[in-house]
N, C-alpha and C. Protein backbone atom coordinates (compact mmCIF):
# COMPACT_ATOMS: atom_id res chain seq x y z
N UNK A 1 1.55 46.96 322.46
CA UNK A 1 0.09 47.05 323.14
C UNK A 1 -0.77 47.16 322.38
N UNK A 2 -1.53 46.99 322.47
CA UNK A 2 -3.04 46.97 321.81
C UNK A 2 -4.02 47.44 322.32
N UNK A 3 -4.74 48.11 322.02
CA UNK A 3 -5.88 49.04 322.96
C UNK A 3 -7.17 49.06 321.72
N UNK A 4 -8.35 48.78 322.56
CA UNK A 4 -9.81 48.71 322.32
C UNK A 4 -9.58 49.82 321.37
N UNK A 5 -10.90 49.70 320.66
CA UNK A 5 -11.29 51.06 319.64
C UNK A 5 -11.86 52.02 320.26
N UNK A 6 -12.13 52.02 321.76
CA UNK A 6 -12.68 52.99 322.23
C UNK A 6 -11.60 53.84 323.77
N UNK A 7 -10.21 53.30 323.31
CA UNK A 7 -9.20 53.88 323.78
C UNK A 7 -8.21 54.09 322.81
N UNK A 8 -8.04 55.10 322.89
CA UNK A 8 -6.73 56.11 321.74
C UNK A 8 -5.56 55.96 322.29
N UNK A 9 -4.65 55.40 321.04
CA UNK A 9 -3.34 55.70 321.02
C UNK A 9 -2.53 57.07 320.73
N UNK A 10 -1.71 57.44 320.93
CA UNK A 10 -1.40 58.95 320.48
C UNK A 10 -0.53 58.17 318.95
N UNK A 11 -0.24 57.00 318.83
CA UNK A 11 0.40 57.14 317.35
C UNK A 11 -0.72 57.37 316.64
N UNK A 12 -1.73 56.25 316.78
CA UNK A 12 -2.56 55.67 315.40
C UNK A 12 -3.67 56.27 315.81
N UNK A 13 -4.17 57.33 315.78
CA UNK A 13 -5.30 58.10 316.96
C UNK A 13 -5.24 59.48 316.49
N UNK A 14 -4.61 59.96 316.30
CA UNK A 14 -4.36 61.28 316.98
C UNK A 14 -5.33 62.02 315.73
N UNK A 15 -5.81 61.27 315.11
CA UNK A 15 -6.96 62.44 314.26
C UNK A 15 -8.36 62.23 315.17
N UNK A 16 -8.14 60.68 315.38
CA UNK A 16 -9.80 60.86 316.36
C UNK A 16 -9.78 61.56 317.83
N UNK A 17 -8.91 61.51 318.28
CA UNK A 17 -8.26 62.20 319.56
C UNK A 17 -8.58 63.53 319.44
N UNK A 18 -8.09 64.29 318.42
CA UNK A 18 -8.33 65.74 317.93
C UNK A 18 -9.96 65.83 317.65
N UNK A 19 -10.43 64.87 316.81
CA UNK A 19 -11.59 65.34 316.43
C UNK A 19 -12.63 65.23 318.41
N UNK A 20 -12.64 64.32 318.64
CA UNK A 20 -13.19 64.10 320.07
C UNK A 20 -12.84 65.43 320.76
N UNK A 21 -11.85 65.60 321.27
CA UNK A 21 -11.16 66.47 322.03
C UNK A 21 -11.81 68.47 321.61
N UNK A 22 -12.02 68.50 320.05
CA UNK A 22 -12.53 69.81 319.42
C UNK A 22 -14.01 69.99 320.26
N UNK A 23 -14.18 69.01 320.62
CA UNK A 23 -15.96 69.06 321.46
C UNK A 23 -15.38 70.12 322.76
N UNK A 24 -16.20 70.76 323.42
CA UNK A 24 -15.59 71.32 324.65
C UNK A 24 -16.67 71.24 325.30
N UNK A 25 -17.32 70.13 325.45
CA UNK A 25 -17.49 69.45 326.91
C UNK A 25 -17.21 68.03 326.56
N UNK A 26 -16.26 67.68 325.99
CA UNK A 26 -15.68 66.56 326.16
C UNK A 26 -14.31 66.30 327.12
N UNK A 27 -14.18 65.53 327.81
CA UNK A 27 -12.94 65.19 328.82
C UNK A 27 -11.87 64.78 328.32
N UNK A 28 -10.57 64.80 328.35
CA UNK A 28 -9.52 64.20 328.29
C UNK A 28 -9.00 62.87 329.17
N UNK A 29 -9.32 61.84 328.83
CA UNK A 29 -9.10 60.92 330.20
C UNK A 29 -7.80 60.10 329.97
N UNK A 30 -6.82 60.44 330.32
CA UNK A 30 -5.43 59.89 330.10
C UNK A 30 -4.75 58.74 331.03
N UNK A 31 -4.55 57.62 330.71
CA UNK A 31 -3.95 56.83 331.52
C UNK A 31 -1.89 56.74 330.99
N UNK A 32 -1.70 57.19 332.20
CA UNK A 32 -0.10 57.30 331.57
C UNK A 32 0.81 55.94 332.36
N UNK A 33 0.83 55.25 331.60
CA UNK A 33 1.38 54.03 331.99
C UNK A 33 2.50 53.53 331.40
N UNK A 34 3.02 52.58 331.02
CA UNK A 34 4.42 52.04 330.70
C UNK A 34 3.74 50.81 330.23
N UNK A 35 4.95 49.70 328.94
CA UNK A 35 4.09 48.47 328.34
C UNK A 35 5.24 47.84 329.42
N UNK A 36 6.10 47.93 330.03
CA UNK A 36 6.48 46.65 330.81
C UNK A 36 6.06 46.46 332.19
N UNK A 37 4.69 47.61 332.71
CA UNK A 37 4.04 47.50 333.90
C UNK A 37 2.80 46.51 333.40
N UNK A 38 3.29 45.16 334.44
CA UNK A 38 2.02 44.35 334.75
C UNK A 38 0.66 44.98 334.94
N UNK A 39 0.96 45.89 335.98
CA UNK A 39 -0.62 46.88 337.10
C UNK A 39 -1.27 47.78 335.60
N UNK A 40 -0.40 48.09 334.73
CA UNK A 40 -1.03 49.11 334.02
C UNK A 40 -1.81 47.47 332.35
N UNK A 41 -1.07 46.69 332.32
CA UNK A 41 -1.84 46.31 330.91
C UNK A 41 -3.15 45.17 331.78
N UNK A 42 -3.19 44.91 333.28
CA UNK A 42 -3.99 44.51 333.76
C UNK A 42 -5.46 45.54 333.74
N UNK A 43 -4.85 46.98 334.01
CA UNK A 43 -6.01 48.25 334.03
C UNK A 43 -6.46 48.01 332.58
N UNK A 44 -5.95 48.37 331.63
CA UNK A 44 -6.15 48.56 329.83
C UNK A 44 -7.87 48.45 329.67
N UNK A 45 -8.02 46.52 330.03
CA UNK A 45 -9.26 46.04 329.83
C UNK A 45 -10.62 47.03 330.77
N UNK A 46 -10.55 47.17 331.79
CA UNK A 46 -11.44 47.74 332.16
C UNK A 46 -11.23 49.45 332.59
N UNK A 47 -10.22 50.20 331.62
CA UNK A 47 -10.17 51.33 331.14
C UNK A 47 -11.10 51.35 330.35
N UNK A 48 -10.78 50.24 328.88
CA UNK A 48 -11.23 50.15 327.71
C UNK A 48 -12.96 50.03 327.74
N UNK A 49 -13.20 49.11 328.76
CA UNK A 49 -14.43 49.24 329.13
C UNK A 49 -15.50 50.65 329.78
N UNK A 50 -14.74 51.26 330.44
CA UNK A 50 -15.36 52.64 330.84
C UNK A 50 -15.28 53.49 329.95
N UNK A 51 -13.98 53.51 329.04
CA UNK A 51 -13.96 53.95 327.58
C UNK A 51 -15.31 54.05 326.80
N UNK A 52 -15.94 52.70 326.61
CA UNK A 52 -17.16 52.32 326.15
C UNK A 52 -18.58 52.64 326.47
N UNK A 53 -18.11 52.89 327.75
CA UNK A 53 -19.66 53.61 328.65
C UNK A 53 -19.44 54.82 328.34
N UNK A 54 -18.74 55.68 327.89
CA UNK A 54 -18.48 57.22 328.36
C UNK A 54 -17.69 57.42 326.67
N UNK A 55 -18.35 57.29 325.96
CA UNK A 55 -17.66 57.42 324.33
C UNK A 55 -17.97 59.09 324.20
N UNK A 56 -18.48 59.85 324.35
CA UNK A 56 -18.01 61.40 324.42
C UNK A 56 -16.97 62.02 324.62
N UNK A 57 -16.31 61.21 325.61
CA UNK A 57 -14.79 61.90 326.06
C UNK A 57 -13.70 61.01 325.51
N UNK A 58 -12.66 61.46 325.45
CA UNK A 58 -11.14 60.88 324.78
C UNK A 58 -10.79 60.44 325.96
N UNK A 59 -10.59 58.60 325.63
CA UNK A 59 -9.93 58.04 326.72
C UNK A 59 -8.07 57.36 326.05
N UNK A 60 -7.46 57.83 326.58
CA UNK A 60 -6.07 58.02 325.87
C UNK A 60 -4.81 57.12 326.70
N UNK A 61 -4.67 56.26 326.28
CA UNK A 61 -3.25 55.03 326.81
C UNK A 61 -2.38 55.89 325.93
N UNK A 62 -1.32 56.76 327.33
CA UNK A 62 0.05 57.07 326.68
C UNK A 62 1.26 56.04 327.23
N UNK A 63 1.91 55.30 327.00
CA UNK A 63 3.21 55.01 327.51
C UNK A 63 4.27 55.80 327.37
N UNK A 64 4.54 56.45 328.74
CA UNK A 64 5.54 57.30 329.39
C UNK A 64 6.68 57.42 328.63
N UNK A 65 7.14 55.55 328.23
CA UNK A 65 8.44 55.63 327.71
C UNK A 65 8.53 55.92 326.30
N UNK A 66 7.09 56.01 325.49
CA UNK A 66 7.62 55.82 324.27
C UNK A 66 7.02 57.42 323.98
N UNK A 67 6.24 58.09 324.34
CA UNK A 67 5.93 59.39 324.31
C UNK A 67 6.51 60.44 325.43
N UNK A 68 7.66 60.62 326.02
CA UNK A 68 7.77 61.64 326.86
C UNK A 68 7.67 62.82 326.24
N UNK A 69 7.44 63.22 325.28
CA UNK A 69 7.48 65.32 324.72
C UNK A 69 6.03 65.33 324.94
N UNK A 70 5.29 63.93 325.22
CA UNK A 70 3.71 65.17 325.56
C UNK A 70 3.81 64.89 327.29
N UNK A 71 4.38 64.91 328.06
CA UNK A 71 4.45 64.99 329.39
C UNK A 71 4.89 66.08 330.25
N UNK A 72 5.60 67.24 329.55
CA UNK A 72 6.19 68.08 329.54
C UNK A 72 7.54 68.09 330.56
N UNK A 73 8.46 67.34 330.20
CA UNK A 73 9.49 66.44 331.58
C UNK A 73 9.27 66.23 332.34
N UNK A 74 7.73 65.84 332.79
CA UNK A 74 7.13 65.45 333.98
C UNK A 74 8.11 63.81 334.18
N UNK A 75 8.35 63.50 335.31
CA UNK A 75 8.55 61.99 335.67
C UNK A 75 7.49 61.36 335.86
N UNK A 76 6.87 60.43 335.37
CA UNK A 76 5.39 59.48 335.98
C UNK A 76 6.82 58.57 336.95
N UNK A 77 6.29 58.52 337.86
CA UNK A 77 7.21 57.10 338.63
C UNK A 77 6.39 55.95 339.40
N UNK A 78 4.68 56.03 339.36
CA UNK A 78 3.98 55.14 339.76
C UNK A 78 2.60 55.13 338.70
N UNK A 79 2.61 54.08 339.08
CA UNK A 79 0.91 53.73 337.84
C UNK A 79 0.34 53.17 338.59
N UNK A 80 -0.72 53.18 337.67
CA UNK A 80 -1.25 54.18 336.51
C UNK A 80 -1.32 55.73 337.13
N UNK A 81 -1.26 56.10 336.32
CA UNK A 81 -1.23 57.81 336.84
C UNK A 81 -2.34 58.36 335.59
N UNK A 82 -2.96 59.13 336.51
CA UNK A 82 -3.91 59.59 335.11
C UNK A 82 -4.43 61.24 335.31
N UNK A 83 -4.55 61.40 334.49
CA UNK A 83 -5.04 62.71 333.90
C UNK A 83 -5.80 62.94 333.03
N UNK A 84 -6.59 64.06 333.65
CA UNK A 84 -8.06 64.39 333.18
C UNK A 84 -8.60 65.57 333.34
N UNK A 85 -8.42 66.61 331.92
CA UNK A 85 -8.47 67.74 331.64
C UNK A 85 -9.85 67.96 330.81
N UNK A 86 -10.63 69.03 331.03
CA UNK A 86 -11.90 69.38 330.63
C UNK A 86 -10.99 70.44 329.20
N UNK A 87 -11.85 71.33 328.94
CA UNK A 87 -11.36 71.90 327.99
C UNK A 87 -10.48 73.10 328.40
N UNK A 88 -10.81 73.49 329.44
CA UNK A 88 -9.91 74.71 330.19
C UNK A 88 -8.97 74.19 331.26
N UNK A 89 -8.71 73.17 331.83
CA UNK A 89 -7.53 73.20 332.53
C UNK A 89 -8.26 71.80 333.50
N UNK A 90 -7.20 71.30 334.29
CA UNK A 90 -6.48 70.00 334.59
C UNK A 90 -7.56 69.86 335.86
N UNK A 91 -8.44 68.51 336.09
CA UNK A 91 -9.31 68.28 336.85
C UNK A 91 -8.56 67.48 337.89
N UNK A 92 -7.95 66.25 337.37
CA UNK A 92 -7.19 65.43 338.11
C UNK A 92 -5.83 65.26 337.41
N UNK A 93 -5.11 65.06 338.19
CA UNK A 93 -3.62 64.26 338.09
C UNK A 93 -3.01 63.89 339.37
N UNK A 94 -2.65 62.87 338.67
CA UNK A 94 -2.23 61.86 340.06
C UNK A 94 -1.73 60.13 339.63
N UNK A 95 -1.13 59.89 340.73
CA UNK A 95 -1.29 58.35 340.97
C UNK A 95 -2.82 57.52 341.14
N UNK A 96 -3.43 56.45 340.79
CA UNK A 96 -4.51 56.01 341.32
C UNK A 96 -4.45 54.67 341.54
N UNK A 97 -4.92 54.11 342.53
CA UNK A 97 -5.06 53.29 342.87
C UNK A 97 -5.47 51.91 341.38
N UNK A 98 -5.36 50.71 341.04
CA UNK A 98 -6.30 50.44 339.62
C UNK A 98 -7.78 49.98 339.94
N UNK A 99 -8.32 50.34 340.47
CA UNK A 99 -9.70 50.10 340.54
C UNK A 99 -10.48 51.28 340.03
N UNK A 100 -11.36 50.47 339.00
CA UNK A 100 -11.69 51.38 337.63
C UNK A 100 -13.05 52.04 338.34
N UNK A 101 -13.41 51.37 339.37
CA UNK A 101 -14.86 52.51 340.18
C UNK A 101 -13.69 53.36 340.48
N UNK A 102 -13.08 53.75 341.19
CA UNK A 102 -12.52 54.72 342.07
C UNK A 102 -11.98 55.61 340.45
N UNK A 103 -12.02 55.92 339.22
CA UNK A 103 -11.96 56.77 338.28
C UNK A 103 -13.35 56.84 337.87
N UNK A 104 -14.22 55.97 337.96
CA UNK A 104 -15.21 56.09 337.37
C UNK A 104 -16.07 57.32 338.29
N UNK A 105 -15.91 57.07 339.81
CA UNK A 105 -16.31 58.48 340.25
C UNK A 105 -15.35 59.03 340.54
N UNK A 106 -14.53 59.66 340.56
CA UNK A 106 -14.16 60.88 339.91
C UNK A 106 -14.44 61.45 338.72
N UNK A 107 -14.81 60.79 337.64
CA UNK A 107 -15.34 61.41 336.42
C UNK A 107 -16.82 62.10 336.80
N UNK A 108 -17.67 61.02 337.52
CA UNK A 108 -19.16 61.56 337.93
C UNK A 108 -18.97 62.80 338.31
N UNK A 109 -17.60 62.83 339.43
CA UNK A 109 -17.94 64.20 340.33
C UNK A 109 -17.19 65.31 339.20
N UNK A 110 -16.46 65.45 338.68
CA UNK A 110 -15.83 66.40 337.64
C UNK A 110 -16.99 66.81 336.80
N UNK A 111 -17.87 66.00 336.34
CA UNK A 111 -19.04 66.27 335.23
C UNK A 111 -20.07 66.90 336.08
N UNK A 112 -20.30 66.28 337.62
CA UNK A 112 -20.99 67.17 338.19
C UNK A 112 -21.21 68.49 338.55
N UNK A 113 -19.79 68.69 338.44
CA UNK A 113 -19.08 70.27 339.14
C UNK A 113 -17.99 70.69 338.52
N UNK A 114 -18.69 70.73 337.02
CA UNK A 114 -17.82 71.56 335.99
C UNK A 114 -17.19 72.95 336.31
N UNK A 115 -17.56 73.51 337.27
CA UNK A 115 -16.79 75.02 337.38
C UNK A 115 -15.89 75.14 338.55
N UNK A 116 -15.60 73.78 338.80
CA UNK A 116 -14.16 73.96 340.49
C UNK A 116 -13.10 73.73 339.73
N UNK A 117 -12.28 74.75 340.39
CA UNK A 117 -10.72 75.27 340.00
C UNK A 117 -10.24 73.83 339.51
N UNK A 118 -9.11 74.63 338.81
CA UNK A 118 -7.75 73.69 338.15
C UNK A 118 -7.07 73.28 339.86
N UNK A 119 -7.09 72.08 339.54
CA UNK A 119 -6.41 70.92 340.65
C UNK A 119 -4.87 70.96 340.83
N UNK A 120 -4.69 71.08 339.52
CA UNK A 120 -2.98 70.57 339.03
C UNK A 120 -2.90 71.68 338.15
N UNK A 121 -2.47 72.43 338.26
CA UNK A 121 -2.13 73.61 337.53
C UNK A 121 -0.40 73.36 336.94
N UNK A 122 0.26 72.26 337.54
CA UNK A 122 1.56 71.89 337.34
C UNK A 122 1.19 70.49 336.37
N UNK A 123 0.16 70.66 335.79
CA UNK A 123 -0.14 68.91 335.06
C UNK A 123 0.89 69.35 333.83
N UNK A 124 1.22 68.38 333.08
CA UNK A 124 1.32 68.21 331.44
C UNK A 124 0.23 69.03 330.70
N UNK A 125 0.57 69.73 329.39
CA UNK A 125 -0.74 70.26 328.87
C UNK A 125 -0.75 68.89 327.83
N UNK A 126 -1.50 67.94 328.26
CA UNK A 126 -1.89 67.35 327.18
C UNK A 126 -2.56 67.21 326.41
N UNK A 127 -3.67 67.82 326.66
CA UNK A 127 -4.74 67.87 325.81
C UNK A 127 -4.07 69.00 324.56
N UNK A 128 -3.90 70.54 324.91
CA UNK A 128 -3.17 70.79 324.02
C UNK A 128 -2.07 70.34 322.95
N UNK A 129 -1.08 69.51 323.88
CA UNK A 129 -0.73 68.67 322.56
C UNK A 129 -1.10 67.12 321.91
N UNK A 130 -1.88 66.94 322.08
CA UNK A 130 -2.74 66.02 321.50
C UNK A 130 -3.72 66.80 320.55
N UNK A 131 -4.10 68.14 320.52
CA UNK A 131 -4.99 69.27 319.53
C UNK A 131 -3.54 69.52 318.60
N UNK A 132 -2.74 69.22 318.88
CA UNK A 132 -1.99 69.73 318.09
C UNK A 132 -1.49 71.34 318.07
């Protein structure tokens, strides 16, 4: 799998991910997918386009079979599954239809209400894992 420069991969972009996530106003927007998933492969270019439009946030593509250690033993069964975390909490965690407009509206809503509650306290602590 190859991603554009605007979508980070845990294997090759660790320092860029950490740099972006070190800013307290950045969001982690992670797509949890699998290489074999055709839906995920079709979603990636649109995910990259959204990442290019929002470069202040870290858009990370996580292959769940390559990086199970990043998921805190969660089994991802539906693809794509999205995880959005700000500096202190999880803002969204779950499967999402592969229409990029859904993710775009979700991010807009999160940015419009930065004080909303942690909606998925049992989500993987991916942001902390990626920061080291």
